[in-house]
């Protein structure tokens, strides 16, 4: 086993969260007039998109 093995398992999940949270927050302020609702929706979509991309890469 190599200790220097590169892992990209969480890269796409972090990318999905990084895009989903701000986008969801903006859309939540526009549509619902509530930051928390939009951030929650963006979090869910960010996790779903990030894990879907991650599972397709493996």
C-alpha atoms as a PDB file:
ATOM      1  CA  UNK A   1       0.000   0.000   0.000  1.00  0.00           C
ATOM      2  CA  UNK A   2       1.214   3.421  -0.867  1.00  0.00           C
ATOM      3  CA  UNK A   3       0.737   6.282   1.565  1.00  0.00           C
ATOM      4  CA  UNK A   4       1.176   8.888  -1.184  1.00  0.00           C
ATOM      5  CA  UNK A   5      -1.799   7.712  -3.219  1.00  0.00           C
ATOM      6  CA  UNK A   6      -3.902  10.590  -4.541  1.00  0.00           C
ATOM      7  CA  UNK A   7      -7.557  10.513  -3.632  1.00  0.00           C
ATOM      8  CA  UNK A   8     -10.171  12.548  -5.490  1.00  0.00           C
ATOM      9  CA  UNK A   9     -13.164  11.108  -3.700  1.00  0.00           C
ATOM     10  CA  UNK A  10     -14.318  14.302  -2.001  1.00  0.00           C
ATOM     11  CA  UNK A  11     -13.292  16.716  -4.749  1.00  0.00           C
ATOM     12  CA  UNK A  12     -16.565  16.668  -6.647  1.00  0.00           C
ATOM     13  CA  UNK A  13     -18.635  16.688  -3.481  1.00  0.00           C
ATOM     14  CA  UNK A  14     -16.822  19.809  -2.318  1.00  0.00           C
ATOM     15  CA  UNK A  15     -17.269  21.356  -5.760  1.00  0.00           C
ATOM     16  CA  UNK A  16     -21.005  20.621  -5.658  1.00  0.00           C
ATOM     17  CA  UNK A  17     -21.309  22.148  -2.201  1.00  0.00           C
ATOM     18  CA  UNK A  18     -19.267  25.175  -3.199  1.00  0.00           C
ATOM     19  CA  UNK A  19     -21.546  25.877  -6.137  1.00  0.00           C
ATOM     20  CA  UNK A  20     -24.853  24.723  -4.612  1.00  0.00           C
ATOM     21  CA  UNK A  21     -24.803  26.725  -1.388  1.00  0.00           C
ATOM     22  CA  UNK A  22     -24.257  30.218  -2.844  1.00  0.00           C
ATOM     23  CA  UNK A  23     -26.533  29.566  -5.806  1.00  0.00           C
ATOM     24  CA  UNK A  24     -29.244  28.221  -3.522  1.00  0.00           C
ATOM     25  CA  UNK A  25     -28.861  31.164  -1.162  1.00  0.00           C
ATOM     26  CA  UNK A  26     -29.307  33.651  -3.998  1.00  0.00           C
ATOM     27  CA  UNK A  27     -32.298  31.792  -5.411  1.00  0.00           C
ATOM     28  CA  UNK A  28     -33.760  31.486  -1.909  1.00  0.00           C
ATOM     29  CA  UNK A  29     -33.554  35.233  -1.429  1.00  0.00           C
ATOM     30  CA  UNK A  30     -35.130  35.861  -4.816  1.00  0.00           C
ATOM     31  CA  UNK A  31     -37.911  33.259  -4.723  1.00  0.00           C
ATOM     32  CA  UNK A  32     -38.688  32.654  -1.034  1.00  0.00           C
ATOM     33  CA  UNK A  33     -37.274  35.857   0.491  1.00  0.00           C
ATOM     34  CA  UNK A  34     -35.479  33.635   3.007  1.00  0.00           C
ATOM     35  CA  UNK A  35     -31.758  32.840   2.967  1.00  0.00           C
ATOM     36  CA  UNK A  36     -31.969  29.664   5.054  1.00  0.00           C
ATOM     37  CA  UNK A  37     -34.517  27.929   2.830  1.00  0.00           C
ATOM     38  CA  UNK A  38     -32.481  28.628  -0.283  1.00  0.00           C
ATOM     39  CA  UNK A  39     -29.224  27.540   1.342  1.00  0.00           C
ATOM     40  CA  UNK A  40     -30.851  24.269   2.430  1.00  0.00           C
ATOM     41  CA  UNK A  41     -32.138  23.590  -1.063  1.00  0.00           C
ATOM     42  CA  UNK A  42     -28.742  24.458  -2.534  1.00  0.00           C
ATOM     43  CA  UNK A  43     -27.047  22.147  -0.043  1.00  0.00           C
ATOM     44  CA  UNK A  44     -29.253  19.235  -1.073  1.00  0.00           C
ATOM     45  CA  UNK A  45     -28.702  19.837  -4.783  1.00  0.00           C
ATOM     46  CA  UNK A  46     -24.960  20.355  -4.244  1.00  0.00           C
ATOM     47  CA  UNK A  47     -24.595  17.038  -2.440  1.00  0.00           C
ATOM     48  CA  UNK A  48     -26.682  15.218  -5.043  1.00  0.00           C
ATOM     49  CA  UNK A  49     -24.796  16.656  -8.016  1.00  0.00           C
ATOM     50  CA  UNK A  50     -21.381  16.221  -6.377  1.00  0.00           C
ATOM     51  CA  UNK A  51     -21.934  12.567  -5.486  1.00  0.00           C
ATOM     52  CA  UNK A  52     -23.433  11.844  -8.916  1.00  0.00           C
ATOM     53  CA  UNK A  53     -20.362  13.241 -10.665  1.00  0.00           C
ATOM     54  CA  UNK A  54     -18.094  11.406  -8.227  1.00  0.00           C
ATOM     55  CA  UNK A  55     -19.822   8.082  -8.812  1.00  0.00           C
ATOM     56  CA  UNK A  56     -19.595   8.505 -12.588  1.00  0.00           C
ATOM     57  CA  UNK A  57     -15.847   9.187 -12.416  1.00  0.00           C
ATOM     58  CA  UNK A  58     -15.171   5.969 -10.515  1.00  0.00           C
END
